[in-house]
């Protein structure tokens, strides 16, 4: 079976947030974001400038414990950034 991509893992992480498994999801999210940061360092400017905006939204929603908004940001906003890198 092939190794899951970052996009696959973002979708899985969003699913965990939607299932109210926020601790497991938060740990996975940190791992994904740590692995994603170096990829975005060499991203085109139009993609790289979206990264801090999406991260800010994710962390704001996380602080408010709005897990569905975190899931949406991961699955829709962040996935689009990674697809733009492909």
Protein backbone atom coordinates (compact mmCIF):
# COMPACT_ATOMS: atom_id res chain seq x y z
CA UNK A 1 0.00 0.00 0.00
CA UNK A 2 1.43 3.42 -0.93
CA UNK A 3 2.49 5.91 1.71
CA UNK A 4 -0.27 8.47 2.42
CA UNK A 5 0.39 11.91 1.00
CA UNK A 6 0.16 15.11 3.03
CA UNK A 7 -3.19 15.77 1.36
CA UNK A 8 -4.44 12.33 2.45
CA UNK A 9 -3.27 13.03 5.98
CA UNK A 10 -4.91 16.47 6.04
CA UNK A 11 -8.22 14.90 5.03
CA UNK A 12 -7.79 12.22 7.72
CA UNK A 13 -6.97 14.90 10.30
CA UNK A 14 -10.09 16.86 9.32
CA UNK A 15 -12.15 13.69 9.73
CA UNK A 16 -10.76 13.22 13.24
CA UNK A 17 -11.73 16.78 14.20
CA UNK A 18 -15.24 16.18 12.84
CA UNK A 19 -15.50 13.02 14.93
CA UNK A 20 -14.63 15.02 18.09
CA UNK A 21 -11.28 13.26 18.42
CA UNK A 22 -9.55 16.61 18.80
CA UNK A 23 -6.55 15.41 20.83
CA UNK A 24 -5.61 12.77 18.26
CA UNK A 25 -6.36 15.22 15.45
CA UNK A 26 -4.29 18.02 17.03
CA UNK A 27 -1.27 15.73 17.39
CA UNK A 28 -1.59 14.63 13.77
CA UNK A 29 -2.01 18.24 12.66
CA UNK A 30 1.22 19.30 14.39
CA UNK A 31 3.08 16.45 12.69
CA UNK A 32 1.64 17.37 9.27
CA UNK A 33 2.43 21.07 9.67
CA UNK A 34 6.00 20.30 10.79
CA UNK A 35 6.55 18.21 7.67
CA UNK A 36 4.83 20.75 5.42
CA UNK A 37 6.81 23.82 6.46
CA UNK A 38 9.98 22.93 4.50
CA UNK A 39 7.92 22.28 1.35
CA UNK A 40 6.32 25.69 1.60
CA UNK A 41 9.68 27.42 2.07
CA UNK A 42 10.38 26.82 -1.62
CA UNK A 43 6.81 27.43 -2.81
CA UNK A 44 5.96 30.08 -5.39
CA UNK A 45 5.13 33.43 -3.76
CA UNK A 46 1.43 33.27 -4.63
CA UNK A 47 1.18 29.96 -2.74
CA UNK A 48 3.56 30.88 0.09
CA UNK A 49 1.62 34.02 0.97
CA UNK A 50 -1.55 31.97 1.58
CA UNK A 51 0.19 29.72 4.14
CA UNK A 52 0.33 32.18 7.10
CA UNK A 53 -3.25 33.32 6.47
CA UNK A 54 -4.60 29.77 6.60
CA UNK A 55 -2.45 28.89 9.62
CA UNK A 56 -3.70 31.95 11.45
CA UNK A 57 -7.31 30.94 10.76
CA UNK A 58 -6.63 27.37 11.90
CA UNK A 59 -5.02 28.46 15.15
CA UNK A 60 -7.76 31.01 15.81
CA UNK A 61 -10.44 28.35 15.33
CA UNK A 62 -8.45 25.91 17.45
CA UNK A 63 -8.19 28.44 20.28
CA UNK A 64 -11.97 28.94 20.12
CA UNK A 65 -12.37 25.14 20.09
CA UNK A 66 -14.33 25.39 16.85
CA UNK A 67 -13.31 21.95 15.63
CA UNK A 68 -15.56 21.98 12.56
CA UNK A 69 -13.95 25.21 11.35
CA UNK A 70 -10.49 23.70 11.95
CA UNK A 71 -11.56 20.65 9.93
CA UNK A 72 -12.85 22.83 7.09
CA UNK A 73 -9.64 24.88 7.02
CA UNK A 74 -7.54 21.73 6.88
CA UNK A 75 -9.61 19.88 4.31
CA UNK A 76 -10.42 22.75 1.98
CA UNK A 77 -8.02 25.66 2.46
CA UNK A 78 -4.79 23.84 3.29
CA UNK A 79 -5.42 21.02 0.82
CA UNK A 80 -5.70 23.62 -1.96
CA UNK A 81 -2.30 25.02 -1.01
CA UNK A 82 -0.71 21.58 -1.22
CA UNK A 83 -2.41 20.79 -4.50
CA UNK A 84 -0.96 24.03 -5.90
CA UNK A 85 2.51 22.72 -5.00
CA UNK A 86 2.01 19.50 -6.98
